[in-house]
Amino acid sequence: MPGTPPTRFAYLGPEGTFAEAALSSAVASSGGTRSAYPSVPAALAAVRSGDADAALVPLENSVEGSVPATMDGLSDGDPLVITREVFLPVAFHLVARAGTELAAIRTVASHPHALAQCARWLASHLPGAATLPETSTAAAAAAVAEGRYDAAVCAPIAGARYRLTSLVDDVADHPGAVTRFVLVRRPGALPSPTGNDKTSLVAVVGDRTGALLDVLSEFAVRGISLTRIESRPTRERLGVYSFSLDCEGHIGERRVGEALAALHRVCDDVRFLGSYPRAEGENRAVLETAVDAAFADADAWLARVRAGESC
């Protein structure tokens, strides 16, 4: 990523989304301009085209799992890299226009992930209401303000932004949910390791026996812990999948760099998605046999053997 810090930020809009709240928690209001985009692909496209320096998009949720639009958007197209992750607690409110009674609600709109996280509550308290998908929780709130729906499930910031009344606070089936957002930029110089980093990548494997085992083994033999692994279809043909994964460590460390180089050798394709500071939790202690000094010592020994020295 370029040496200068980003000043033009894209995020999943419209105004009032959890993405906007996550961006506000990560970047001071004086840190630059912010532009809302109607979808994750649109926000990523703005970075690729140069219309934005960076984009803040959701990657996964503790209840509903990964966000396919982000995973696929990072796997395809011109390369982008993650430079930062942000964890945001998610609280859903049921909002409506002033004067709306709970018993009068016949339609409830929100992002599909939000509807899924509130499905039991909605079925129990609004059994006769139809749930309708929108591109974001904030878009649903805006549509309610326009009169297109009776109510929306959204972030408190969206209800306030569109001057809606909160009928019920915290309607999630699993209170305490957290969404992980990532800040992505075009590739460039990497930040130095901090000692508590995470590396993300996508590995494409063919339709062959032991393909996934080959991927996992390259991390296991170097003492690298995986923090996330998910499979996605490549959309080429059945049997060909990509694996999106996060591992502990930084590509600047020998063990991680060698693991990725080995994957490049055994996989059909590998896309590096960045090494960046870990936002939550601490990496496991690196085994003595996997620290950079151990690799350097092994290199020196091999050089002496190849030079014909007695070892």
C-alpha atoms as a PDB file:
ATOM      1  CA  MET A   1       0.000   0.000   0.000  1.00  0.00           C
ATOM      2  CA  PRO A   2       1.233   3.516  -0.650  1.00  0.00           C
ATOM      3  CA  GLY A   3       3.406   5.058   2.032  1.00  0.00           C
ATOM      4  CA  THR A   4       0.975   7.882   2.709  1.00  0.00           C
ATOM      5  CA  PRO A   5      -2.017   7.122   4.937  1.00  0.00           C
ATOM      6  CA  PRO A   6      -5.409   6.954   3.211  1.00  0.00           C
ATOM      7  CA  THR A   7      -7.576  10.072   3.255  1.00  0.00           C
ATOM      8  CA  ARG A   8     -10.458   8.992   1.000  1.00  0.00           C
ATOM      9  CA  PHE A   9     -12.510   6.183   2.490  1.00  0.00           C
ATOM     10  CA  ALA A  10     -15.260   4.109   0.901  1.00  0.00           C
ATOM     11  CA  TYR A  11     -17.656   2.060   3.005  1.00  0.00           C
ATOM     12  CA  LEU A  12     -20.800  -0.022   2.630  1.00  0.00           C
ATOM     13  CA  GLY A  13     -23.607   2.514   2.743  1.00  0.00           C
ATOM     14  CA  PRO A  14     -25.862   4.302   2.816  1.00  0.00           C
ATOM     15  CA  GLU A  15     -25.165   6.509   5.827  1.00  0.00           C
ATOM     16  CA  GLY A  16     -26.022   4.819   9.082  1.00  0.00           C
ATOM     17  CA  THR A  17     -24.649   1.316   8.465  1.00  0.00           C
ATOM     18  CA  PHE A  18     -22.593  -0.697  10.907  1.00  0.00           C
ATOM     19  CA  ALA A  19     -19.761  -0.213   8.395  1.00  0.00           C
ATOM     20  CA  GLU A  20     -19.925   3.540   8.933  1.00  0.00           C
ATOM     21  CA  ALA A  21     -19.863   2.994  12.691  1.00  0.00           C
ATOM     22  CA  ALA A  22     -16.847   0.686  12.334  1.00  0.00           C
ATOM     23  CA  LEU A  23     -15.035   3.230  10.165  1.00  0.00           C
ATOM     24  CA  SER A  24     -15.738   5.942  12.737  1.00  0.00           C
ATOM     25  CA  SER A  25     -14.232   3.756  15.445  1.00  0.00           C
ATOM     26  CA  ALA A  26     -11.101   3.145  13.377  1.00  0.00           C
ATOM     27  CA  VAL A  27     -10.495   6.554  11.816  1.00  0.00           C
ATOM     28  CA  ALA A  28     -10.952   9.941  13.471  1.00  0.00           C
ATOM     29  CA  SER A  29     -13.603  12.179  11.920  1.00  0.00           C
ATOM     30  CA  SER A  30     -10.786  14.524  10.879  1.00  0.00           C
ATOM     31  CA  GLY A  31      -8.956  11.668   9.164  1.00  0.00           C
ATOM     32  CA  GLY A  32     -10.344  12.276   5.688  1.00  0.00           C
ATOM     33  CA  THR A  33     -13.420  12.139   3.498  1.00  0.00           C
ATOM     34  CA  ARG A  34     -15.926   9.266   3.592  1.00  0.00           C
ATOM     35  CA  SER A  35     -18.144   8.092   0.779  1.00  0.00           C
ATOM     36  CA  ALA A  36     -20.973   5.588   1.086  1.00  0.00           C
ATOM     37  CA  TYR A  37     -21.355   2.970  -1.662  1.00  0.00           C
ATOM     38  CA  PRO A  38     -24.443   0.835  -2.297  1.00  0.00           C
ATOM     39  CA  SER A  39     -22.698  -2.535  -2.113  1.00  0.00           C
ATOM     40  CA  VAL A  40     -19.470  -4.244  -1.102  1.00  0.00           C
ATOM     41  CA  PRO A  41     -18.412  -4.770  -4.760  1.00  0.00           C
ATOM     42  CA  ALA A  42     -18.984  -1.057  -5.419  1.00  0.00           C
ATOM     43  CA  ALA A  43     -16.841  -0.035  -2.436  1.00  0.00           C
ATOM     44  CA  LEU A  44     -14.034  -2.368  -3.538  1.00  0.00           C
ATOM     45  CA  ALA A  45     -14.317  -1.133  -7.118  1.00  0.00           C
ATOM     46  CA  ALA A  46     -13.816   2.436  -5.898  1.00  0.00           C
ATOM     47  CA  VAL A  47     -10.444   1.439  -4.445  1.00  0.00           C
ATOM     48  CA  ARG A  48      -9.419  -0.464  -7.552  1.00  0.00           C
ATOM     49  CA  SER A  49     -10.297   2.482  -9.796  1.00  0.00           C
ATOM     50  CA  GLY A  50      -8.519   5.011  -7.588  1.00  0.00           C
ATOM     51  CA  ASP A  51     -11.707   6.850  -6.596  1.00  0.00           C
ATOM     52  CA  ALA A  52     -10.955   5.900  -2.973  1.00  0.00           C
ATOM     53  CA  ASP A  53      -7.735   5.172  -1.108  1.00  0.00           C
ATOM     54  CA  ALA A  54      -9.260   2.479   1.104  1.00  0.00           C
ATOM     55  CA  ALA A  55     -12.549   0.681   1.736  1.00  0.00           C
ATOM     56  CA  LEU A  56     -14.040  -0.554   5.010  1.00  0.00           C
ATOM     57  CA  VAL A  57     -16.185  -3.660   4.390  1.00  0.00           C
ATOM     58  CA  PRO A  58     -17.613  -6.488   6.551  1.00  0.00           C
ATOM     59  CA  LEU A  59     -15.812  -9.832   6.341  1.00  0.00           C
ATOM     60  CA  GLU A  60     -17.495 -12.069   8.911  1.00  0.00           C
ATOM     61  CA  ASN A  61     -19.987 -12.133  11.763  1.00  0.00           C
ATOM     62  CA  SER A  62     -19.792 -14.186  14.947  1.00  0.00           C
ATOM     63  CA  VAL A  63     -23.329 -15.529  14.362  1.00  0.00           C
ATOM     64  CA  GLU A  64     -23.848 -15.719  10.595  1.00  0.00           C
ATOM     65  CA  GLY A  65     -20.276 -16.366   9.489  1.00  0.00           C
ATOM     66  CA  SER A  66     -18.570 -14.933   6.429  1.00  0.00           C
ATOM     67  CA  VAL A  67     -19.885 -12.259   4.070  1.00  0.00           C
ATOM     68  CA  PRO A  68     -19.738 -13.860   0.595  1.00  0.00           C
ATOM     69  CA  ALA A  69     -19.668 -10.535  -1.259  1.00  0.00           C
ATOM     70  CA  THR A  70     -16.474  -9.536   0.538  1.00  0.00           C
ATOM     71  CA  MET A  71     -14.811 -12.930   0.285  1.00  0.00           C
ATOM     72  CA  ASP A  72     -15.526 -13.163  -3.432  1.00  0.00           C
ATOM     73  CA  GLY A  73     -14.666  -9.499  -3.992  1.00  0.00           C
ATOM     74  CA  LEU A  74     -11.208  -9.983  -2.502  1.00  0.00           C
ATOM     75  CA  SER A  75     -10.632 -13.275  -4.335  1.00  0.00           C
ATOM     76  CA  ASP A  76     -11.468 -11.898  -7.784  1.00  0.00           C
ATOM     77  CA  GLY A  77     -10.430  -8.814  -9.722  1.00  0.00           C
ATOM     78  CA  ASP A  78      -7.311  -6.709  -9.309  1.00  0.00           C
ATOM     79  CA  PRO A  79      -5.505  -7.546  -6.050  1.00  0.00           C
ATOM     80  CA  LEU A  80      -6.364  -5.712  -2.840  1.00  0.00           C
ATOM     81  CA  VAL A  81      -4.773  -6.217   0.570  1.00  0.00           C
ATOM     82  CA  ILE A  82      -6.095  -5.929   4.101  1.00  0.00           C
ATOM     83  CA  THR A  83      -4.231  -3.363   6.191  1.00  0.00           C
ATOM     84  CA  ARG A  84      -6.376  -3.372   9.315  1.00  0.00           C
ATOM     85  CA  GLU A  85      -9.235  -5.224  10.981  1.00  0.00           C
ATOM     86  CA  VAL A  86     -11.965  -3.755  13.178  1.00  0.00           C
ATOM     87  CA  PHE A  87     -14.279  -5.691  15.512  1.00  0.00           C
ATOM     88  CA  LEU A  88     -17.628  -4.018  16.163  1.00  0.00           C
ATOM     89  CA  PRO A  89     -20.275  -5.219  18.649  1.00  0.00           C
ATOM     90  CA  VAL A  90     -23.587  -5.414  16.804  1.00  0.00           C
ATOM     91  CA  ALA A  91     -26.894  -4.375  18.394  1.00  0.00           C
ATOM     92  CA  PHE A  92     -30.077  -4.436  16.308  1.00  0.00           C
ATOM     93  CA  HIS A  93     -33.031  -2.145  16.946  1.00  0.00           C
ATOM     94  CA  LEU A  94     -36.509  -2.468  15.477  1.00  0.00           C
ATOM     95  CA  VAL A  95     -37.327   1.010  14.154  1.00  0.00           C
ATOM     96  CA  ALA A  96     -40.360   2.576  12.486  1.00  0.00           C
ATOM     97  CA  ARG A  97     -41.872   5.934  11.654  1.00  0.00           C
ATOM     98  CA  ALA A  98     -43.203   7.925  14.581  1.00  0.00           C
ATOM     99  CA  GLY A  99     -46.660   6.793  15.666  1.00  0.00           C
ATOM    100  CA  THR A 100     -46.289   3.231  14.346  1.00  0.00           C
ATOM    101  CA  GLU A 101     -47.610   0.560  16.705  1.00  0.00           C
ATOM    102  CA  LEU A 102     -45.905  -2.814  16.990  1.00  0.00           C
ATOM    103  CA  ALA A 103     -49.187  -4.586  16.230  1.00  0.00           C
ATOM    104  CA  ALA A 104     -49.556  -2.668  12.953  1.00  0.00           C
ATOM    105  CA  ILE A 105     -46.264  -3.839  11.423  1.00  0.00           C
ATOM    106  CA  ARG A 106     -46.749  -5.991   8.329  1.00  0.00           C
ATOM    107  CA  THR A 107     -43.323  -5.652   6.662  1.00  0.00           C
ATOM    108  CA  VAL A 108     -39.831  -5.639   8.177  1.00  0.00           C
ATOM    109  CA  ALA A 109     -36.769  -4.966   6.033  1.00  0.00           C
ATOM    110  CA  SER A 110     -33.047  -5.347   6.653  1.00  0.00           C
ATOM    111  CA  HIS A 111     -29.831  -6.871   5.339  1.00  0.00           C
ATOM    112  CA  PRO A 112     -30.177 -10.691   5.051  1.00  0.00           C
ATOM    113  CA  HIS A 113     -27.539 -11.219   7.758  1.00  0.00           C
ATOM    114  CA  ALA A 114     -29.463  -8.964  10.147  1.00  0.00           C
ATOM    115  CA  LEU A 115     -32.757 -10.699   9.421  1.00  0.00           C
ATOM    116  CA  ALA A 116     -31.122 -14.069  10.062  1.00  0.00           C
ATOM    117  CA  GLN A 117     -29.695 -12.886  13.379  1.00  0.00           C
ATOM    118  CA  CYS A 118     -33.166 -11.710  14.496  1.00  0.00           C
ATOM    119  CA  ALA A 119     -35.248 -14.476  12.892  1.00  0.00           C
ATOM    120  CA  ARG A 120     -36.502 -16.079  16.112  1.00  0.00           C
ATOM    121  CA  TRP A 121     -37.414 -12.752  17.703  1.00  0.00           C
ATOM    122  CA  LEU A 122     -39.299 -11.634  14.599  1.00  0.00           C
ATOM    123  CA  ALA A 123     -41.139 -14.950  14.295  1.00  0.00           C
ATOM    124  CA  SER A 124     -42.152 -14.793  17.953  1.00  0.00           C
ATOM    125  CA  HIS A 125     -43.169 -11.135  18.207  1.00  0.00           C
ATOM    126  CA  LEU A 126     -44.222 -10.344  14.619  1.00  0.00           C
ATOM    127  CA  PRO A 127     -45.429 -13.690  13.237  1.00  0.00           C
ATOM    128  CA  GLY A 128     -47.616 -12.054  10.584  1.00  0.00           C
ATOM    129  CA  ALA A 129     -44.964  -9.692   9.229  1.00  0.00           C
ATOM    130  CA  ALA A 130     -43.089 -10.372   6.002  1.00  0.00           C
ATOM    131  CA  THR A 131     -39.293 -10.032   6.211  1.00  0.00           C
ATOM    132  CA  LEU A 132     -37.762  -8.424   3.144  1.00  0.00           C
ATOM    133  CA  PRO A 133     -34.059  -8.160   2.207  1.00  0.00           C
ATOM    134  CA  GLU A 134     -32.266  -4.886   1.537  1.00  0.00           C
ATOM    135  CA  THR A 135     -28.674  -4.172   0.534  1.00  0.00           C
ATOM    136  CA  SER A 136     -27.847  -2.916   4.041  1.00  0.00           C
ATOM    137  CA  THR A 137     -29.470  -2.235   7.392  1.00  0.00           C
ATOM    138  CA  ALA A 138     -29.231   1.490   6.719  1.00  0.00           C
ATOM    139  CA  ALA A 139     -30.874   1.125   3.300  1.00  0.00           C
ATOM    140  CA  ALA A 140     -33.751  -0.607   5.062  1.00  0.00           C
ATOM    141  CA  ALA A 141     -34.058   2.272   7.535  1.00  0.00           C
ATOM    142  CA  ALA A 142     -34.036   4.786   4.683  1.00  0.00           C
ATOM    143  CA  ALA A 143     -36.773   2.808   2.921  1.00  0.00           C
ATOM    144  CA  VAL A 144     -38.901   2.880   6.082  1.00  0.00           C
ATOM    145  CA  ALA A 145     -38.469   6.635   6.279  1.00  0.00           C
ATOM    146  CA  GLU A 146     -39.682   6.812   2.669  1.00  0.00           C
ATOM    147  CA  GLY A 147     -42.761   4.736   3.539  1.00  0.00           C
ATOM    148  CA  ARG A 148     -41.817   1.615   1.571  1.00  0.00           C
ATOM    149  CA  TYR A 149     -41.792  -0.659   4.638  1.00  0.00           C
ATOM    150  CA  ASP A 150     -43.398  -0.539   8.050  1.00  0.00           C
ATOM    151  CA  ALA A 151     -40.235  -1.255  10.054  1.00  0.00           C
ATOM    152  CA  ALA A 152     -36.553  -2.056   9.787  1.00  0.00           C
ATOM    153  CA  VAL A 153     -33.952  -3.936  11.784  1.00  0.00           C
ATOM    154  CA  CYS A 154     -30.886  -1.723  11.881  1.00  0.00           C
ATOM    155  CA  ALA A 155     -28.129  -0.121  13.915  1.00  0.00           C
ATOM    156  CA  PRO A 156     -29.088   2.632  16.372  1.00  0.00           C
ATOM    157  CA  ILE A 157     -27.073   5.075  14.240  1.00  0.00           C
ATOM    158  CA  ALA A 158     -29.374   4.403  11.266  1.00  0.00           C
ATOM    159  CA  GLY A 159     -32.556   4.937  13.251  1.00  0.00           C
ATOM    160  CA  ALA A 160     -31.263   8.280  14.466  1.00  0.00           C
ATOM    161  CA  ARG A 161     -29.956   9.259  11.018  1.00  0.00           C
ATOM    162  CA  TYR A 162     -33.358   8.734   9.377  1.00  0.00           C
ATOM    163  CA  ARG A 163     -35.382  10.118  12.304  1.00  0.00           C
ATOM    164  CA  LEU A 164     -37.117   6.862  13.098  1.00  0.00           C
ATOM    165  CA  THR A 165     -38.470   5.707  16.444  1.00  0.00           C
ATOM    166  CA  SER A 166     -36.988   2.655  18.134  1.00  0.00           C
ATOM    167  CA  LEU A 167     -39.866   0.344  19.009  1.00  0.00           C
ATOM    168  CA  VAL A 168     -37.690  -2.368  20.556  1.00  0.00           C
ATOM    169  CA  ASP A 169     -33.990  -2.236  21.433  1.00  0.00           C
ATOM    170  CA  ASP A 170     -31.716  -5.241  20.891  1.00  0.00           C
ATOM    171  CA  VAL A 171     -33.896  -7.719  19.016  1.00  0.00           C
ATOM    172  CA  ALA A 172     -31.049 -10.102  18.157  1.00  0.00           C
ATOM    173  CA  ASP A 173     -31.488 -13.788  18.912  1.00  0.00           C
ATOM    174  CA  HIS A 174     -27.896 -13.932  20.148  1.00  0.00           C
ATOM    175  CA  PRO A 175     -26.993 -10.762  22.064  1.00  0.00           C
ATOM    176  CA  GLY A 176     -23.329  -9.839  21.987  1.00  0.00           C
ATOM    177  CA  ALA A 177     -22.743 -10.599  18.313  1.00  0.00           C
ATOM    178  CA  VAL A 178     -19.627  -9.073  16.756  1.00  0.00           C
ATOM    179  CA  THR A 179     -18.867  -8.251  13.130  1.00  0.00           C
ATOM    180  CA  ARG A 180     -15.322  -8.187  11.826  1.00  0.00           C
ATOM    181  CA  PHE A 181     -14.622  -5.449   9.286  1.00  0.00           C
ATOM    182  CA  VAL A 182     -11.471  -5.069   7.203  1.00  0.00           C
ATOM    183  CA  LEU A 183      -9.837  -1.993   5.716  1.00  0.00           C
ATOM    184  CA  VAL A 184      -8.457  -2.785   2.256  1.00  0.00           C
ATOM    185  CA  ARG A 185      -6.135  -0.869  -0.077  1.00  0.00           C
ATOM    186  CA  ARG A 186      -4.237  -1.455  -3.294  1.00  0.00           C
ATOM    187  CA  PRO A 187      -0.992  -3.443  -2.844  1.00  0.00           C
ATOM    188  CA  GLY A 188       2.183  -1.652  -1.844  1.00  0.00           C
ATOM    189  CA  ALA A 189       4.883  -1.651   0.818  1.00  0.00           C
ATOM    190  CA  LEU A 190       3.955  -3.860   3.762  1.00  0.00           C
ATOM    191  CA  PRO A 191       3.962  -2.687   7.373  1.00  0.00           C
ATOM    192  CA  SER A 192       6.615  -4.203   9.643  1.00  0.00           C
ATOM    193  CA  PRO A 193       5.695  -7.141  11.893  1.00  0.00           C
ATOM    194  CA  THR A 194       4.364  -6.175  15.338  1.00  0.00           C
ATOM    195  CA  GLY A 195       4.666  -9.582  16.981  1.00  0.00           C
ATOM    196  CA  ASN A 196       0.880  -9.989  17.100  1.00  0.00           C
ATOM    197  CA  ASP A 197      -0.130 -10.086  13.455  1.00  0.00           C
ATOM    198  CA  LYS A 198      -2.489 -11.938  11.191  1.00  0.00           C
ATOM    199  CA  THR A 199      -2.034 -12.931   7.550  1.00  0.00           C
ATOM    200  CA  SER A 200      -4.890 -13.550   5.110  1.00  0.00           C
ATOM    201  CA  LEU A 201      -4.810 -15.372   1.791  1.00  0.00           C
ATOM    202  CA  VAL A 202      -6.834 -17.387  -0.698  1.00  0.00           C
ATOM    203  CA  ALA A 203      -5.522 -20.704  -1.985  1.00  0.00           C
ATOM    204  CA  VAL A 204      -7.067 -22.406  -5.013  1.00  0.00           C
ATOM    205  CA  VAL A 205      -6.714 -26.194  -5.125  1.00  0.00           C
ATOM    206  CA  GLY A 206      -7.597 -28.601  -7.900  1.00  0.00           C
ATOM    207  CA  ASP A 207      -9.827 -31.645  -7.837  1.00  0.00           C
ATOM    208  CA  ARG A 208      -7.313 -34.091  -6.423  1.00  0.00           C
ATOM    209  CA  THR A 209      -6.966 -36.332  -3.401  1.00  0.00           C
ATOM    210  CA  GLY A 210      -5.329 -34.706  -0.384  1.00  0.00           C
ATOM    211  CA  ALA A 211      -5.450 -31.144  -1.728  1.00  0.00           C
ATOM    212  CA  LEU A 212      -6.700 -29.620   1.509  1.00  0.00           C
ATOM    213  CA  LEU A 213      -4.279 -31.732   3.545  1.00  0.00           C
ATOM    214  CA  ASP A 214      -1.417 -30.308   1.468  1.00  0.00           C
ATOM    215  CA  VAL A 215      -2.530 -26.789   2.374  1.00  0.00           C
ATOM    216  CA  LEU A 216      -2.921 -27.503   6.077  1.00  0.00           C
ATOM    217  CA  SER A 217       0.363 -29.393   6.321  1.00  0.00           C
ATOM    218  CA  GLU A 218       2.401 -26.398   5.145  1.00  0.00           C
ATOM    219  CA  PHE A 219       1.181 -24.467   8.181  1.00  0.00           C
ATOM    220  CA  ALA A 220       1.300 -27.338  10.665  1.00  0.00           C
ATOM    221  CA  VAL A 221       4.940 -28.292   9.988  1.00  0.00           C
ATOM    222  CA  ARG A 222       5.993 -24.698  10.673  1.00  0.00           C
ATOM    223  CA  GLY A 223       4.003 -24.325  13.885  1.00  0.00           C
ATOM    224  CA  ILE A 224       1.559 -21.783  12.418  1.00  0.00           C
ATOM    225  CA  SER A 225      -1.970 -21.654  13.840  1.00  0.00           C
ATOM    226  CA  LEU A 226      -4.930 -20.948  11.588  1.00  0.00           C
ATOM    227  CA  THR A 227      -7.601 -18.616  12.967  1.00  0.00           C
ATOM    228  CA  ARG A 228     -10.092 -19.059  10.103  1.00  0.00           C
ATOM    229  CA  ILE A 229     -10.531 -21.325   7.088  1.00  0.00           C
ATOM    230  CA  GLU A 230     -13.492 -21.477   4.712  1.00  0.00           C
ATOM    231  CA  SER A 231     -14.079 -23.021   1.308  1.00  0.00           C
ATOM    232  CA  ARG A 232     -15.653 -21.186  -1.600  1.00  0.00           C
ATOM    233  CA  PRO A 233     -16.491 -22.429  -5.107  1.00  0.00           C
ATOM    234  CA  THR A 234     -14.314 -20.927  -7.807  1.00  0.00           C
ATOM    235  CA  ARG A 235     -17.335 -20.897 -10.163  1.00  0.00           C
ATOM    236  CA  GLU A 236     -15.222 -22.637 -12.804  1.00  0.00           C
ATOM    237  CA  ARG A 237     -16.603 -26.160 -12.367  1.00  0.00           C
ATOM    238  CA  LEU A 238     -17.645 -28.583  -9.646  1.00  0.00           C
ATOM    239  CA  GLY A 239     -14.774 -29.919  -7.565  1.00  0.00           C
ATOM    240  CA  VAL A 240     -12.536 -26.847  -7.836  1.00  0.00           C
ATOM    241  CA  TYR A 241     -12.534 -24.777  -4.650  1.00  0.00           C
ATOM    242  CA  SER A 242     -10.642 -21.934  -3.100  1.00  0.00           C
ATOM    243  CA  PHE A 243      -9.818 -21.786   0.593  1.00  0.00           C
ATOM    244  CA  SER A 244      -9.957 -18.410   2.293  1.00  0.00           C
ATOM    245  CA  LEU A 245      -7.921 -18.467   5.468  1.00  0.00           C
ATOM    246  CA  ASP A 246      -6.267 -16.399   8.173  1.00  0.00           C
ATOM    247  CA  CYS A 247      -3.181 -17.505  10.036  1.00  0.00           C
ATOM    248  CA  GLU A 248      -1.186 -16.128  12.919  1.00  0.00           C
ATOM    249  CA  GLY A 249       1.992 -14.288  11.996  1.00  0.00           C
ATOM    250  CA  HIS A 250       3.342 -11.896   9.369  1.00  0.00           C
ATOM    251  CA  ILE A 251       4.633 -12.673   5.887  1.00  0.00           C
ATOM    252  CA  GLY A 252       7.860 -10.940   6.912  1.00  0.00           C
ATOM    253  CA  GLU A 253       8.528 -13.811   9.348  1.00  0.00           C
ATOM    254  CA  ARG A 254      10.416 -16.768   7.910  1.00  0.00           C
ATOM    255  CA  ARG A 255       7.893 -19.413   8.967  1.00  0.00           C
ATOM    256  CA  VAL A 256       4.941 -17.571   7.379  1.00  0.00           C
ATOM    257  CA  GLY A 257       6.859 -16.553   4.272  1.00  0.00           C
ATOM    258  CA  GLU A 258       8.037 -20.112   3.672  1.00  0.00           C
ATOM    259  CA  ALA A 259       4.519 -21.474   4.219  1.00  0.00           C
ATOM    260  CA  LEU A 260       3.088 -19.143   1.585  1.00  0.00           C
ATOM    261  CA  ALA A 261       5.924 -19.956  -0.811  1.00  0.00           C
ATOM    262  CA  ALA A 262       5.198 -23.663  -0.326  1.00  0.00           C
ATOM    263  CA  LEU A 263       1.502 -23.082  -1.030  1.00  0.00           C
ATOM    264  CA  HIS A 264       2.458 -21.295  -4.230  1.00  0.00           C
ATOM    265  CA  ARG A 265       4.261 -24.498  -5.209  1.00  0.00           C
ATOM    266  CA  VAL A 266       1.484 -26.999  -4.393  1.00  0.00           C
ATOM    267  CA  CYS A 267      -1.670 -24.970  -5.149  1.00  0.00           C
ATOM    268  CA  ASP A 268      -3.161 -23.948  -8.467  1.00  0.00           C
ATOM    269  CA  ASP A 269      -3.089 -20.335  -7.337  1.00  0.00           C
ATOM    270  CA  VAL A 270      -2.431 -18.299  -4.192  1.00  0.00           C
ATOM    271  CA  ARG A 271      -3.611 -14.743  -3.586  1.00  0.00           C
ATOM    272  CA  PHE A 272      -1.980 -12.858  -0.713  1.00  0.00           C
ATOM    273  CA  LEU A 273      -4.528 -10.648   1.073  1.00  0.00           C
ATOM    274  CA  GLY A 274      -2.262  -8.905   3.546  1.00  0.00           C
ATOM    275  CA  SER A 275      -0.404  -9.081   6.856  1.00  0.00           C
ATOM    276  CA  TYR A 276      -1.704  -6.671   9.482  1.00  0.00           C
ATOM    277  CA  PRO A 277      -1.914  -6.150  13.257  1.00  0.00           C
ATOM    278  CA  ARG A 278      -4.350  -8.418  15.043  1.00  0.00           C
ATOM    279  CA  ALA A 279      -7.230  -6.423  16.573  1.00  0.00           C
ATOM    280  CA  GLU A 280      -8.385  -8.969  19.153  1.00  0.00           C
ATOM    281  CA  GLY A 281      -6.615 -11.760  20.993  1.00  0.00           C
ATOM    282  CA  GLU A 282      -2.953 -12.698  21.107  1.00  0.00           C
ATOM    283  CA  ASN A 283      -1.007 -15.055  18.902  1.00  0.00           C
ATOM    284  CA  ARG A 284       0.273 -18.249  20.420  1.00  0.00           C
ATOM    285  CA  ALA A 285       3.920 -18.299  21.426  1.00  0.00           C
ATOM    286  CA  VAL A 286       6.135 -19.283  18.492  1.00  0.00           C
ATOM    287  CA  LEU A 287       7.981 -22.552  18.969  1.00  0.00           C
ATOM    288  CA  GLU A 288      11.741 -22.204  19.374  1.00  0.00           C
ATOM    289  CA  THR A 289      12.180 -24.295  16.248  1.00  0.00           C
ATOM    290  CA  ALA A 290      10.021 -21.866  14.213  1.00  0.00           C
ATOM    291  CA  VAL A 291      11.514 -18.477  15.108  1.00  0.00           C
ATOM    292  CA  ASP A 292      13.551 -16.621  12.477  1.00  0.00           C
ATOM    293  CA  ALA A 293      16.799 -17.366  14.324  1.00  0.00           C
ATOM    294  CA  ALA A 294      16.160 -21.113  14.027  1.00  0.00           C
ATOM    295  CA  PHE A 295      15.657 -20.774  10.269  1.00  0.00           C
ATOM    296  CA  ALA A 296      18.861 -18.720   9.984  1.00  0.00           C
ATOM    297  CA  ASP A 297      20.783 -21.334  11.951  1.00  0.00           C
ATOM    298  CA  ALA A 298      19.446 -24.099   9.695  1.00  0.00           C
ATOM    299  CA  ASP A 299      20.431 -22.099   6.593  1.00  0.00           C
ATOM    300  CA  ALA A 300      23.952 -21.655   7.924  1.00  0.00           C
ATOM    301  CA  TRP A 301      24.274 -25.381   8.685  1.00  0.00           C
ATOM    302  CA  LEU A 302      23.081 -26.313   5.188  1.00  0.00           C
ATOM    303  CA  ALA A 303      25.540 -23.889   3.629  1.00  0.00           C
ATOM    304  CA  ARG A 304      28.414 -25.486   5.551  1.00  0.00           C
ATOM    305  CA  VAL A 305      27.335 -28.976   4.465  1.00  0.00           C
ATOM    306  CA  ARG A 306      27.125 -27.919   0.833  1.00  0.00           C
ATOM    307  CA  ALA A 307      30.567 -26.315   1.114  1.00  0.00           C
ATOM    308  CA  GLY A 308      32.001 -29.656   2.211  1.00  0.00           C
ATOM    309  CA  GLU A 309      32.702 -28.627   5.791  1.00  0.00           C
ATOM    310  CA  SER A 310      32.546 -31.113   8.605  1.00  0.00           C
ATOM    311  CA  CYS A 311      29.249 -30.606  10.484  1.00  0.00           C
END
